[in-house]
C-alpha atoms as a PDB file:
ATOM      1  CA  MET A   1      47.993   6.103  20.658  1.00  0.00           C
ATOM      2  CA  PRO A   2      44.775   8.112  20.321  1.00  0.00           C
ATOM      3  CA  GLU A   3      41.587   6.232  20.041  1.00  0.00           C
ATOM      4  CA  GLY A   4      40.118   5.907  16.560  1.00  0.00           C
ATOM      5  CA  PRO A   5      36.586   6.982  15.682  1.00  0.00           C
ATOM      6  CA  GLY A   6      34.081   4.927  17.592  1.00  0.00           C
ATOM      7  CA  GLU A   7      36.735   3.281  19.852  1.00  0.00           C
ATOM      8  CA  PRO A   8      36.194   3.428  23.615  1.00  0.00           C
ATOM      9  CA  ALA A   9      38.574   5.419  25.838  1.00  0.00           C
ATOM     10  CA  SER A  10      40.842   3.441  28.213  1.00  0.00           C
ATOM     11  CA  GLY A  11      39.713   0.105  26.756  1.00  0.00           C
ATOM     12  CA  THR A  12      36.212   0.345  28.211  1.00  0.00           C
ATOM     13  CA  TRP A  13      32.816   0.794  26.629  1.00  0.00           C
ATOM     14  CA  PRO A  14      30.301   3.183  28.137  1.00  0.00           C
ATOM     15  CA  ALA A  15      27.760   1.446  30.326  1.00  0.00           C
ATOM     16  CA  PRO A  16      24.549   0.806  28.393  1.00  0.00           C
ATOM     17  CA  VAL A  17      21.608   3.020  29.158  1.00  0.00           C
ATOM     18  CA  ARG A  18      19.109   1.145  31.318  1.00  0.00           C
ATOM     19  CA  ARG A  19      16.083   0.074  29.325  1.00  0.00           C
ATOM     20  CA  PRO A  20      12.755   1.259  30.737  1.00  0.00           C
ATOM     21  CA  THR A  21      10.725  -1.474  32.383  1.00  0.00           C
ATOM     22  CA  GLY A  22       7.066  -2.224  32.863  1.00  0.00           C
ATOM     23  CA  ARG A  23       7.448  -0.891  36.422  1.00  0.00           C
ATOM     24  CA  ASP A  24       8.581   2.488  35.011  1.00  0.00           C
ATOM     25  CA  VAL A  25       5.558   2.598  32.720  1.00  0.00           C
ATOM     26  CA  ALA A  26       3.207   1.704  35.575  1.00  0.00           C
ATOM     27  CA  ARG A  27       4.662   4.471  37.750  1.00  0.00           C
ATOM     28  CA  LEU A  28       4.314   7.116  35.011  1.00  0.00           C
ATOM     29  CA  ALA A  29       0.791   6.011  34.018  1.00  0.00           C
ATOM     30  CA  GLY A  30      -0.381   5.741  37.627  1.00  0.00           C
ATOM     31  CA  VAL A  31      -1.473   2.107  37.322  1.00  0.00           C
ATOM     32  CA  SER A  32      -0.314  -1.242  38.630  1.00  0.00           C
ATOM     33  CA  GLN A  33       2.377  -3.270  36.894  1.00  0.00           C
ATOM     34  CA  ALA A  34      -0.247  -5.987  36.352  1.00  0.00           C
ATOM     35  CA  THR A  35      -2.315  -3.503  34.319  1.00  0.00           C
ATOM     36  CA  VAL A  36       0.708  -2.726  32.140  1.00  0.00           C
ATOM     37  CA  SER A  37       1.207  -6.452  31.533  1.00  0.00           C
ATOM     38  CA  LEU A  38      -2.446  -6.849  30.570  1.00  0.00           C
ATOM     39  CA  VAL A  39      -2.317  -3.954  28.101  1.00  0.00           C
ATOM     40  CA  PHE A  40       0.666  -5.455  26.271  1.00  0.00           C
ATOM     41  CA  SER A  41      -0.361  -9.097  26.616  1.00  0.00           C
ATOM     42  CA  GLY A  42      -2.214  -9.276  23.285  1.00  0.00           C
ATOM     43  CA  SER A  43      -4.701 -11.589  25.003  1.00  0.00           C
ATOM     44  CA  GLU A  44      -8.414 -11.363  25.627  1.00  0.00           C
ATOM     45  CA  ALA A  45      -7.697 -10.384  29.243  1.00  0.00           C
ATOM     46  CA  GLY A  46      -6.072  -7.193  27.998  1.00  0.00           C
ATOM     47  CA  ARG A  47      -9.346  -6.099  26.459  1.00  0.00           C
ATOM     48  CA  ARG A  48     -10.907  -5.817  29.923  1.00  0.00           C
ATOM     49  CA  VAL A  49      -8.791  -2.719  30.586  1.00  0.00           C
ATOM     50  CA  SER A  50     -10.724   0.453  29.762  1.00  0.00           C
ATOM     51  CA  ASP A  51      -9.865   2.345  26.594  1.00  0.00           C
ATOM     52  CA  ALA A  52      -8.792   5.416  28.581  1.00  0.00           C
ATOM     53  CA  THR A  53      -6.452   3.416  30.822  1.00  0.00           C
ATOM     54  CA  ARG A  54      -5.068   1.447  27.899  1.00  0.00           C
ATOM     55  CA  GLU A  55      -4.273   4.678  26.022  1.00  0.00           C
ATOM     56  CA  ARG A  56      -2.670   6.195  29.142  1.00  0.00           C
ATOM     57  CA  VAL A  57      -0.414   3.160  29.506  1.00  0.00           C
ATOM     58  CA  ARG A  58       0.550   3.181  25.816  1.00  0.00           C
ATOM     59  CA  GLU A  59       1.300   6.926  25.946  1.00  0.00           C
ATOM     60  CA  ALA A  60       3.538   6.389  28.976  1.00  0.00           C
ATOM     61  CA  ALA A  61       5.298   3.567  27.142  1.00  0.00           C
ATOM     62  CA  ARG A  62       5.836   5.747  24.071  1.00  0.00           C
ATOM     63  CA  SER A  63       7.244   8.629  26.104  1.00  0.00           C
ATOM     64  CA  LEU A  64       9.704   6.302  27.883  1.00  0.00           C
ATOM     65  CA  GLY A  65      10.657   4.345  24.764  1.00  0.00           C
ATOM     66  CA  TYR A  66       9.422   1.150  26.436  1.00  0.00           C
ATOM     67  CA  ARG A  67       9.115  -2.031  24.411  1.00  0.00           C
ATOM     68  CA  PRO A  68       7.400  -5.053  25.991  1.00  0.00           C
ATOM     69  CA  GLN A  69       9.439  -8.218  26.255  1.00  0.00           C
ATOM     70  CA  ALA A  70       8.166  -9.705  23.020  1.00  0.00           C
ATOM     71  CA  ALA A  71       9.946 -13.050  23.194  1.00  0.00           C
ATOM     72  CA  GLY A  72       8.305 -14.140  26.429  1.00  0.00           C
ATOM     73  CA  ARG A  73       4.888 -12.982  25.263  1.00  0.00           C
ATOM     74  CA  GLN A  74       5.262 -14.822  21.978  1.00  0.00           C
ATOM     75  CA  LEU A  75       6.203 -18.047  23.723  1.00  0.00           C
ATOM     76  CA  ARG A  76       3.099 -17.806  25.893  1.00  0.00           C
ATOM     77  CA  LEU A  77       0.859 -17.107  22.923  1.00  0.00           C
ATOM     78  CA  GLY A  78       2.559 -19.522  20.505  1.00  0.00           C
ATOM     79  CA  ARG A  79       3.162 -16.699  18.006  1.00  0.00           C
ATOM     80  CA  SER A  80       6.106 -15.066  16.288  1.00  0.00           C
ATOM     81  CA  GLY A  81       4.726 -11.541  16.507  1.00  0.00           C
ATOM     82  CA  MET A  82       5.452 -11.017  12.798  1.00  0.00           C
ATOM     83  CA  ILE A  83       3.184 -10.628   9.780  1.00  0.00           C
ATOM     84  CA  LEU A  84       4.146 -10.808   6.113  1.00  0.00           C
ATOM     85  CA  LEU A  85       3.100  -8.142   3.619  1.00  0.00           C
ATOM     86  CA  ALA A  86       3.436  -9.604   0.105  1.00  0.00           C
ATOM     87  CA  VAL A  87       3.436  -7.063  -2.743  1.00  0.00           C
ATOM     88  CA  PRO A  88       4.049  -7.577  -6.473  1.00  0.00           C
ATOM     89  CA  ASN A  89       6.914  -5.082  -6.735  1.00  0.00           C
ATOM     90  CA  ILE A  90       8.710  -3.738  -3.679  1.00  0.00           C
ATOM     91  CA  LEU A  91       9.994  -0.798  -5.755  1.00  0.00           C
ATOM     92  CA  GLY A  92       6.491   0.324  -6.745  1.00  0.00           C
ATOM     93  CA  PRO A  93       5.830   3.723  -5.099  1.00  0.00           C
ATOM     94  CA  PHE A  94       2.187   2.862  -4.386  1.00  0.00           C
ATOM     95  CA  PHE A  95       3.254  -0.098  -2.264  1.00  0.00           C
ATOM     96  CA  GLY A  96       5.359   2.272  -0.192  1.00  0.00           C
ATOM     97  CA  ARG A  97       2.118   4.023   0.723  1.00  0.00           C
ATOM     98  CA  VAL A  98       0.522   0.697   1.649  1.00  0.00           C
ATOM     99  CA  LEU A  99       3.533  -0.277   3.771  1.00  0.00           C
ATOM    100  CA  GLU A 100       3.350   3.034   5.644  1.00  0.00           C
ATOM    101  CA  GLY A 101      -0.221   2.281   6.697  1.00  0.00           C
ATOM    102  CA  VAL A 102       0.628  -1.331   7.548  1.00  0.00           C
ATOM    103  CA  HIS A 103       3.503  -0.294   9.821  1.00  0.00           C
ATOM    104  CA  GLU A 104       1.389   2.357  11.534  1.00  0.00           C
ATOM    105  CA  GLU A 105      -1.450  -0.029  12.358  1.00  0.00           C
ATOM    106  CA  ALA A 106       0.793  -3.007  13.164  1.00  0.00           C
ATOM    107  CA  GLY A 107       2.488  -1.027  15.919  1.00  0.00           C
ATOM    108  CA  LYS A 108      -0.863  -0.549  17.633  1.00  0.00           C
ATOM    109  CA  HIS A 109      -1.285  -4.320  17.814  1.00  0.00           C
ATOM    110  CA  GLY A 110       2.264  -5.191  18.862  1.00  0.00           C
ATOM    111  CA  LEU A 111       3.080  -6.733  15.490  1.00  0.00           C
ATOM    112  CA  ALA A 112       6.248  -6.489  13.406  1.00  0.00           C
ATOM    113  CA  VAL A 113       6.070  -6.363   9.600  1.00  0.00           C
ATOM    114  CA  VAL A 114       8.189  -8.136   6.992  1.00  0.00           C
ATOM    115  CA  VAL A 115       7.631  -7.062   3.367  1.00  0.00           C
ATOM    116  CA  SER A 116       8.395  -9.240   0.361  1.00  0.00           C
ATOM    117  CA  SER A 117       7.928  -9.134  -3.405  1.00  0.00           C
ATOM    118  CA  GLY A 118       8.461 -11.579  -6.234  1.00  0.00           C
ATOM    119  CA  TRP A 119       6.508 -14.196  -4.345  1.00  0.00           C
ATOM    120  CA  GLY A 120       4.399 -16.972  -5.801  1.00  0.00           C
ATOM    121  CA  SER A 121       1.800 -19.363  -4.479  1.00  0.00           C
ATOM    122  CA  ALA A 122       4.473 -21.857  -3.356  1.00  0.00           C
ATOM    123  CA  THR A 123       6.356 -19.150  -1.454  1.00  0.00           C
ATOM    124  CA  LEU A 124       3.214 -18.020   0.326  1.00  0.00           C
ATOM    125  CA  ALA A 125       2.235 -21.560   1.214  1.00  0.00           C
ATOM    126  CA  GLU A 126       5.711 -22.167   2.644  1.00  0.00           C
ATOM    127  CA  ALA A 127       5.579 -18.956   4.680  1.00  0.00           C
ATOM    128  CA  ALA A 128       2.148 -19.916   5.980  1.00  0.00           C
ATOM    129  CA  THR A 129       3.160 -23.405   7.127  1.00  0.00           C
ATOM    130  CA  THR A 130       6.536 -22.736   8.781  1.00  0.00           C
ATOM    131  CA  SER A 131       5.047 -20.640  11.602  1.00  0.00           C
ATOM    132  CA  ARG A 132       7.475 -17.812  10.872  1.00  0.00           C
ATOM    133  CA  PHE A 133       4.525 -15.460  10.445  1.00  0.00           C
ATOM    134  CA  ASP A 134       1.336 -15.143  12.419  1.00  0.00           C
ATOM    135  CA  GLY A 135      -0.577 -14.016   9.344  1.00  0.00           C
ATOM    136  CA  LEU A 136      -0.330 -12.779   5.773  1.00  0.00           C
ATOM    137  CA  LEU A 137      -1.356  -9.579   3.964  1.00  0.00           C
ATOM    138  CA  ILE A 138      -1.466 -10.243   0.213  1.00  0.00           C
ATOM    139  CA  CYS A 139      -1.638  -7.044  -1.823  1.00  0.00           C
ATOM    140  CA  SER A 140      -2.633  -6.637  -5.502  1.00  0.00           C
ATOM    141  CA  PRO A 141      -1.903 -10.257  -6.453  1.00  0.00           C
ATOM    142  CA  ASP A 142      -1.521 -11.438 -10.037  1.00  0.00           C
ATOM    143  CA  ASP A 143      -3.722 -14.410 -10.884  1.00  0.00           C
ATOM    144  CA  SER A 144      -0.613 -16.553 -11.433  1.00  0.00           C
ATOM    145  CA  GLN A 145       0.568 -15.884  -7.873  1.00  0.00           C
ATOM    146  CA  LEU A 146      -2.494 -17.267  -6.173  1.00  0.00           C
ATOM    147  CA  GLY A 147      -2.768 -20.810  -5.002  1.00  0.00           C
ATOM    148  CA  GLU A 148      -4.262 -22.749  -2.144  1.00  0.00           C
ATOM    149  CA  LEU A 149      -3.318 -21.397   1.287  1.00  0.00           C
ATOM    150  CA  PRO A 150      -3.630 -23.704   4.299  1.00  0.00           C
ATOM    151  CA  ALA A 151      -7.126 -23.370   5.706  1.00  0.00           C
ATOM    152  CA  ASP A 152      -5.854 -22.416   9.174  1.00  0.00           C
ATOM    153  CA  THR A 153      -3.600 -19.576   7.940  1.00  0.00           C
ATOM    154  CA  PRO A 154      -4.876 -16.098   8.905  1.00  0.00           C
ATOM    155  CA  ALA A 155      -4.704 -14.037   5.704  1.00  0.00           C
ATOM    156  CA  VAL A 156      -6.246 -10.836   4.347  1.00  0.00           C
ATOM    157  CA  PHE A 157      -6.271  -9.813   0.672  1.00  0.00           C
ATOM    158  CA  LEU A 158      -5.783  -6.150  -0.257  1.00  0.00           C
ATOM    159  CA  ASP A 159      -6.776  -4.573  -3.578  1.00  0.00           C
ATOM    160  CA  ALA A 160      -7.792  -8.011  -4.813  1.00  0.00           C
ATOM    161  CA  ASP A 161     -10.734  -9.878  -6.316  1.00  0.00           C
ATOM    162  CA  PRO A 162     -13.305 -10.460  -3.543  1.00  0.00           C
ATOM    163  CA  GLY A 163     -13.943 -13.849  -5.115  1.00  0.00           C
ATOM    164  CA  THR A 164     -10.316 -14.931  -4.662  1.00  0.00           C
ATOM    165  CA  ASP A 165     -11.013 -16.671  -1.361  1.00  0.00           C
ATOM    166  CA  ARG A 166     -14.453 -16.083   0.070  1.00  0.00           C
ATOM    167  CA  ALA A 167     -13.397 -17.639   3.384  1.00  0.00           C
ATOM    168  CA  ARG A 168     -10.947 -14.780   3.955  1.00  0.00           C
ATOM    169  CA  PRO A 169     -11.417 -11.000   4.159  1.00  0.00           C
ATOM    170  CA  THR A 170     -10.723  -8.862   1.082  1.00  0.00           C
ATOM    171  CA  ILE A 171     -10.396  -5.087   1.217  1.00  0.00           C
ATOM    172  CA  GLU A 172     -10.888  -3.320  -2.108  1.00  0.00           C
ATOM    173  CA  LEU A 173     -10.262   0.128  -3.490  1.00  0.00           C
ATOM    174  CA  ASP A 174     -12.893   1.832  -5.636  1.00  0.00           C
ATOM    175  CA  VAL A 175     -10.546   1.920  -8.632  1.00  0.00           C
ATOM    176  CA  ALA A 176     -13.518   1.769 -11.013  1.00  0.00           C
ATOM    177  CA  GLY A 177     -14.925   4.994  -9.588  1.00  0.00           C
ATOM    178  CA  GLY A 178     -11.531   6.659  -9.858  1.00  0.00           C
ATOM    179  CA  MET A 179     -11.088   5.645 -13.485  1.00  0.00           C
ATOM    180  CA  ARG A 180     -14.602   6.817 -14.353  1.00  0.00           C
ATOM    181  CA  ALA A 181     -13.847  10.223 -12.792  1.00  0.00           C
ATOM    182  CA  ALA A 182     -10.650  10.517 -14.848  1.00  0.00           C
ATOM    183  CA  VAL A 183     -12.401   9.774 -18.145  1.00  0.00           C
ATOM    184  CA  GLU A 184     -15.285  12.102 -17.373  1.00  0.00           C
ATOM    185  CA  HIS A 185     -12.845  14.889 -16.455  1.00  0.00           C
ATOM    186  CA  LEU A 186     -11.112  14.715 -19.838  1.00  0.00           C
ATOM    187  CA  ALA A 187     -14.417  14.497 -21.678  1.00  0.00           C
ATOM    188  CA  ALA A 188     -15.650  17.585 -19.823  1.00  0.00           C
ATOM    189  CA  LEU A 189     -12.560  19.417 -21.109  1.00  0.00           C
ATOM    190  CA  GLY A 190     -13.679  18.597 -24.654  1.00  0.00           C
ATOM    191  CA  HIS A 191     -11.349  15.684 -25.406  1.00  0.00           C
ATOM    192  CA  ARG A 192     -13.050  13.231 -27.768  1.00  0.00           C
ATOM    193  CA  ARG A 193     -10.003  11.100 -28.567  1.00  0.00           C
ATOM    194  CA  ILE A 194      -8.117   9.639 -25.601  1.00  0.00           C
ATOM    195  CA  GLY A 195      -4.896   7.650 -25.386  1.00  0.00           C
ATOM    196  CA  ARG A 196      -4.664   4.866 -22.876  1.00  0.00           C
ATOM    197  CA  LEU A 197      -1.520   3.238 -21.460  1.00  0.00           C
ATOM    198  CA  ARG A 198      -2.783   0.165 -19.606  1.00  0.00           C
ATOM    199  CA  SER A 199      -0.957  -2.385 -17.507  1.00  0.00           C
ATOM    200  CA  THR A 200      -0.333  -5.773 -19.125  1.00  0.00           C
ATOM    201  CA  HIS A 201      -0.452  -7.514 -15.730  1.00  0.00           C
ATOM    202  CA  SER A 202      -3.257  -9.937 -14.939  1.00  0.00           C
ATOM    203  CA  ALA A 203      -4.021  -8.523 -11.489  1.00  0.00           C
ATOM    204  CA  TYR A 204      -7.673  -7.936 -10.667  1.00  0.00           C
ATOM    205  CA  THR A 205      -7.115  -4.240  -9.979  1.00  0.00           C
ATOM    206  CA  PHE A 206      -5.981  -3.636 -13.576  1.00  0.00           C
ATOM    207  CA  ARG A 207      -8.860  -5.623 -15.028  1.00  0.00           C
ATOM    208  CA  VAL A 208     -11.258  -3.445 -13.056  1.00  0.00           C
ATOM    209  CA  ARG A 209      -9.551  -0.258 -14.268  1.00  0.00           C
ATOM    210  CA  GLN A 210      -9.706  -1.399 -17.878  1.00  0.00           C
ATOM    211  CA  ALA A 211     -13.351  -2.413 -17.687  1.00  0.00           C
ATOM    212  CA  ALA A 212     -14.269   0.913 -16.070  1.00  0.00           C
ATOM    213  CA  PHE A 213     -12.335   2.831 -18.737  1.00  0.00           C
ATOM    214  CA  GLU A 214     -14.049   0.975 -21.561  1.00  0.00           C
ATOM    215  CA  ARG A 215     -17.521   1.521 -20.077  1.00  0.00           C
ATOM    216  CA  ALA A 216     -16.940   5.235 -19.526  1.00  0.00           C
ATOM    217  CA  ALA A 217     -15.389   5.791 -22.962  1.00  0.00           C
ATOM    218  CA  GLU A 218     -18.241   3.974 -24.676  1.00  0.00           C
ATOM    219  CA  ALA A 219     -20.891   5.844 -22.695  1.00  0.00           C
ATOM    220  CA  LEU A 220     -19.316   9.169 -23.669  1.00  0.00           C
ATOM    221  CA  GLY A 221     -18.738   8.184 -27.303  1.00  0.00           C
ATOM    222  CA  LEU A 222     -14.954   8.640 -27.133  1.00  0.00           C
ATOM    223  CA  ASP A 223     -12.359   7.328 -29.585  1.00  0.00           C
ATOM    224  CA  VAL A 224      -9.496   5.421 -27.945  1.00  0.00           C
ATOM    225  CA  VAL A 225      -5.868   4.713 -28.891  1.00  0.00           C
ATOM    226  CA  GLU A 226      -4.515   2.058 -26.534  1.00  0.00           C
ATOM    227  CA  PHE A 227      -1.131   0.475 -25.775  1.00  0.00           C
ATOM    228  CA  GLY A 228      -0.096  -2.017 -23.094  1.00  0.00           C
ATOM    229  CA  VAL A 229       2.909  -1.495 -20.818  1.00  0.00           C
ATOM    230  CA  SER A 230       4.611  -3.674 -18.181  1.00  0.00           C
ATOM    231  CA  LEU A 231       4.623  -1.759 -14.910  1.00  0.00           C
ATOM    232  CA  ASN A 232       7.409  -3.915 -13.451  1.00  0.00           C
ATOM    233  CA  GLU A 233       9.765  -2.556 -16.114  1.00  0.00           C
ATOM    234  CA  GLY A 234       9.217   0.925 -14.741  1.00  0.00           C
ATOM    235  CA  GLN A 235       9.686   4.307 -16.349  1.00  0.00           C
ATOM    236  CA  PRO A 236      11.953   3.166 -19.248  1.00  0.00           C
ATOM    237  CA  ALA A 237       9.249   0.829 -20.580  1.00  0.00           C
ATOM    238  CA  ALA A 238       6.615   3.539 -20.148  1.00  0.00           C
ATOM    239  CA  HIS A 239       8.823   6.019 -21.990  1.00  0.00           C
ATOM    240  CA  SER A 240       9.212   3.634 -24.923  1.00  0.00           C
ATOM    241  CA  VAL A 241       5.504   2.879 -25.216  1.00  0.00           C
ATOM    242  CA  ALA A 242       4.614   6.556 -24.775  1.00  0.00           C
ATOM    243  CA  HIS A 243       6.764   7.370 -27.813  1.00  0.00           C
ATOM    244  CA  ARG A 244       4.715   4.929 -29.877  1.00  0.00           C
ATOM    245  CA  LEU A 245       1.479   6.489 -28.651  1.00  0.00           C
ATOM    246  CA  LEU A 246       2.572  10.081 -29.266  1.00  0.00           C
ATOM    247  CA  GLU A 247       3.958   9.265 -32.722  1.00  0.00           C
ATOM    248  CA  HIS A 248       0.613   7.762 -33.757  1.00  0.00           C
ATOM    249  CA  PRO A 249      -0.622   9.229 -37.083  1.00  0.00           C
ATOM    250  CA  ASP A 250      -3.749  10.513 -35.368  1.00  0.00           C
ATOM    251  CA  ARG A 251      -2.206  11.390 -31.996  1.00  0.00           C
ATOM    252  CA  PRO A 252      -4.662  11.849 -29.132  1.00  0.00           C
ATOM    253  CA  ARG A 253      -4.376  15.077 -27.167  1.00  0.00           C
ATOM    254  CA  ALA A 254      -5.117  13.389 -23.842  1.00  0.00           C
ATOM    255  CA  VAL A 255      -3.861  10.194 -22.212  1.00  0.00           C
ATOM    256  CA  ILE A 256      -4.782   8.184 -19.114  1.00  0.00           C
ATOM    257  CA  CYS A 257      -2.073   5.998 -17.554  1.00  0.00           C
ATOM    258  CA  ASP A 258      -2.469   3.059 -15.184  1.00  0.00           C
ATOM    259  CA  ASP A 259      -0.041   4.585 -12.700  1.00  0.00           C
ATOM    260  CA  ASP A 260       1.967   7.739 -12.059  1.00  0.00           C
ATOM    261  CA  VAL A 261       5.316   6.192 -13.032  1.00  0.00           C
ATOM    262  CA  VAL A 262       3.906   5.493 -16.504  1.00  0.00           C
ATOM    263  CA  ALA A 263       2.662   9.089 -16.626  1.00  0.00           C
ATOM    264  CA  SER A 264       6.199  10.312 -15.917  1.00  0.00           C
ATOM    265  CA  GLY A 265       7.342   8.321 -18.955  1.00  0.00           C
ATOM    266  CA  VAL A 266       4.726  10.143 -21.023  1.00  0.00           C
ATOM    267  CA  TYR A 267       6.088  13.487 -19.801  1.00  0.00           C
ATOM    268  CA  GLN A 268       9.608  12.518 -20.900  1.00  0.00           C
ATOM    269  CA  ALA A 269       8.474  11.319 -24.321  1.00  0.00           C
ATOM    270  CA  ALA A 270       6.411  14.489 -24.820  1.00  0.00           C
ATOM    271  CA  VAL A 271       9.423  16.726 -24.146  1.00  0.00           C
ATOM    272  CA  GLU A 272      11.540  14.739 -26.593  1.00  0.00           C
ATOM    273  CA  LEU A 273       8.872  15.146 -29.278  1.00  0.00           C
ATOM    274  CA  GLY A 274       8.470  18.864 -28.664  1.00  0.00           C
ATOM    275  CA  LEU A 275       5.028  18.554 -27.039  1.00  0.00           C
ATOM    276  CA  ARG A 276       3.955  20.656 -24.064  1.00  0.00           C
ATOM    277  CA  VAL A 277       1.909  19.368 -21.115  1.00  0.00           C
ATOM    278  CA  PRO A 278      -0.915  20.402 -20.945  1.00  0.00           C
ATOM    279  CA  ALA A 279      -1.019  22.793 -23.950  1.00  0.00           C
ATOM    280  CA  ASP A 280      -0.462  19.987 -26.472  1.00  0.00           C
ATOM    281  CA  LEU A 281      -1.173  16.938 -24.312  1.00  0.00           C
ATOM    282  CA  SER A 282      -3.294  16.383 -21.208  1.00  0.00           C
ATOM    283  CA  VAL A 283      -2.037  13.603 -18.911  1.00  0.00           C
ATOM    284  CA  VAL A 284      -3.809  11.788 -16.063  1.00  0.00           C
ATOM    285  CA  GLY A 285      -2.227   9.152 -13.805  1.00  0.00           C
ATOM    286  CA  ILE A 286      -3.402   6.807 -11.078  1.00  0.00           C
ATOM    287  CA  ASP A 287      -2.012   6.272  -7.530  1.00  0.00           C
ATOM    288  CA  ASN A 288      -1.083   9.819  -6.382  1.00  0.00           C
ATOM    289  CA  VAL A 289       2.392   8.830  -5.250  1.00  0.00           C
ATOM    290  CA  PRO A 290       4.709  11.652  -4.088  1.00  0.00           C
ATOM    291  CA  VAL A 291       6.371  12.095  -7.486  1.00  0.00           C
ATOM    292  CA  ALA A 292       3.017  13.149  -8.997  1.00  0.00           C
ATOM    293  CA  ALA A 293       3.144  16.548  -7.287  1.00  0.00           C
ATOM    294  CA  LEU A 294       6.813  17.027  -8.229  1.00  0.00           C
ATOM    295  CA  LEU A 295       6.422  16.628 -11.988  1.00  0.00           C
ATOM    296  CA  ALA A 296       6.400  19.786 -14.080  1.00  0.00           C
ATOM    297  CA  PRO A 297       3.571  20.556 -14.379  1.00  0.00           C
ATOM    298  CA  PRO A 298       2.167  18.683 -11.348  1.00  0.00           C
ATOM    299  CA  LEU A 299       0.186  15.626 -12.413  1.00  0.00           C
ATOM    300  CA  THR A 300      -3.580  15.256 -12.242  1.00  0.00           C
ATOM    301  CA  THR A 301      -4.106  11.771 -10.858  1.00  0.00           C
ATOM    302  CA  VAL A 302      -6.516   9.413  -9.112  1.00  0.00           C
ATOM    303  CA  ASP A 303      -5.675   9.130  -5.432  1.00  0.00           C
ATOM    304  CA  LEU A 304      -5.671   5.516  -4.242  1.00  0.00           C
ATOM    305  CA  PRO A 305      -5.529   5.665  -0.430  1.00  0.00           C
ATOM    306  CA  GLY A 306      -2.714   3.148   0.075  1.00  0.00           C
ATOM    307  CA  GLU A 307      -2.112   4.078   3.699  1.00  0.00           C
ATOM    308  CA  GLU A 308      -5.778   3.549   4.542  1.00  0.00           C
ATOM    309  CA  LEU A 309      -5.708   0.219   2.700  1.00  0.00           C
ATOM    310  CA  GLY A 310      -2.717  -0.910   4.761  1.00  0.00           C
ATOM    311  CA  ARG A 311      -4.286   0.146   8.052  1.00  0.00           C
ATOM    312  CA  ALA A 312      -7.578  -1.574   7.256  1.00  0.00           C
ATOM    313  CA  GLY A 313      -5.731  -4.754   6.284  1.00  0.00           C
ATOM    314  CA  VAL A 314      -3.791  -4.968   9.537  1.00  0.00           C
ATOM    315  CA  ALA A 315      -6.901  -4.205  11.597  1.00  0.00           C
ATOM    316  CA  ALA A 316      -8.727  -7.086   9.890  1.00  0.00           C
ATOM    317  CA  LEU A 317      -5.750  -9.417  10.340  1.00  0.00           C
ATOM    318  CA  ALA A 318      -5.469  -8.498  14.019  1.00  0.00           C
ATOM    319  CA  ASP A 319      -9.141  -9.467  14.470  1.00  0.00           C
ATOM    320  CA  LEU A 320      -8.430 -12.830  12.826  1.00  0.00           C
ATOM    321  CA  LEU A 321      -5.461 -13.411  15.133  1.00  0.00           C
ATOM    322  CA  ARG A 322      -7.685 -12.745  18.147  1.00  0.00           C
ATOM    323  CA  GLY A 323     -10.251 -15.192  16.836  1.00  0.00           C
ATOM    324  CA  GLU A 324     -12.817 -12.470  16.269  1.00  0.00           C
ATOM    325  CA  PRO A 325     -15.148 -12.080  13.269  1.00  0.00           C
ATOM    326  CA  VAL A 326     -14.084  -9.485  10.706  1.00  0.00           C
ATOM    327  CA  ALA A 327     -16.709  -6.996   9.599  1.00  0.00           C
ATOM    328  CA  ALA A 328     -17.037  -6.436   5.852  1.00  0.00           C
ATOM    329  CA  VAL A 329     -15.315  -3.246   4.695  1.00  0.00           C
ATOM    330  CA  PRO A 330     -16.889  -1.367   1.754  1.00  0.00           C
ATOM    331  CA  PRO A 331     -14.498  -0.428  -1.075  1.00  0.00           C
ATOM    332  CA  LEU A 332     -12.280   2.440   0.045  1.00  0.00           C
ATOM    333  CA  ALA A 333     -13.117   5.695  -1.718  1.00  0.00           C
ATOM    334  CA  THR A 334     -10.806   7.075  -4.391  1.00  0.00           C
ATOM    335  CA  SER A 335     -10.730  10.649  -5.670  1.00  0.00           C
ATOM    336  CA  LEU A 336      -9.452  12.619  -8.639  1.00  0.00           C
ATOM    337  CA  VAL A 337      -6.747  15.084  -7.586  1.00  0.00           C
ATOM    338  CA  LEU A 338      -6.826  18.012 -10.043  1.00  0.00           C
ATOM    339  CA  ARG A 339      -3.460  19.616 -10.719  1.00  0.00           C
ATOM    340  CA  SER A 340      -1.979  21.308 -13.803  1.00  0.00           C
ATOM    341  CA  SER A 341      -1.465  18.505 -16.329  1.00  0.00           C
ATOM    342  CA  THR A 342      -4.855  18.744 -18.047  1.00  0.00           C
ATOM    343  CA  ALA A 343      -6.384  21.492 -20.170  1.00  0.00           C
ATOM    344  CA  ALA A 344      -9.199  22.066 -22.631  1.00  0.00           C
ATOM    345  CA  ALA A 345      -8.895  20.310 -25.971  1.00  0.00           C
END
């Protein structure tokens, strides 16, 4: 009887390919096996190896597909080798950008990443005390999700209130500067009446965006029509609220949304109401997720550098795990990406 798909011939499985060893890496890099062990030890001793040698060893390991024996190293160090990235909504496109940066940086430090959403303060406290994770990255937390973390838990807050926990590092984005640039852009195009679809969530990042919007609109003497929308309910909720905004008796001809998914809901509602973007309605989003460039017309949006945020968070957490002080990081710069969704009033 012929073998089925994936079945071995003659009742035998092919011999597994031999995994590369530290000796193979040492031979390719032209160093001793002890040097290879030091580079991948994650200990202070490993830092005595020069940067050039360390990079040569890591490049040799990458080319061979070598992975250090993590289990033995973790037992020696008393660590799991895993960190937890907690985000409010795992389906949010912006958090995909953050995760990309987290994974990239974590690999440089020999750390594995687990991502979770829908967490609360009790969940975080449990994760911190069971020793399943060496440290926590807590991104864009709602106020209701924050509670007391054990004092000895390494944790870094991303896109969060710097006053959340002054004993722990917080890395912010300059969302206020991005929002101000968006409002000023529309005002420069002659828009004096602006719609605003704001998040109803209590997270610090959205409070900062709202405060920056209000300051800029007041300074420029703009009229505002504002509606709240739940970002966790995604594009359908945005579409519904956008209909209410665009059916307003004195409809604004420009709108700023708290993220790009909400902006896509505005596009859909505009088409259904016979409005053209940007001829009848200028639209600005926030986040600059991949879908922003794919909308028709492509969306003008505030770029929040999620990948950079993720990398900076892991770098700070790695310093904490090594027992080193973490240098303060200034808010990461945001920028307005001009595309084709805005036009003169």
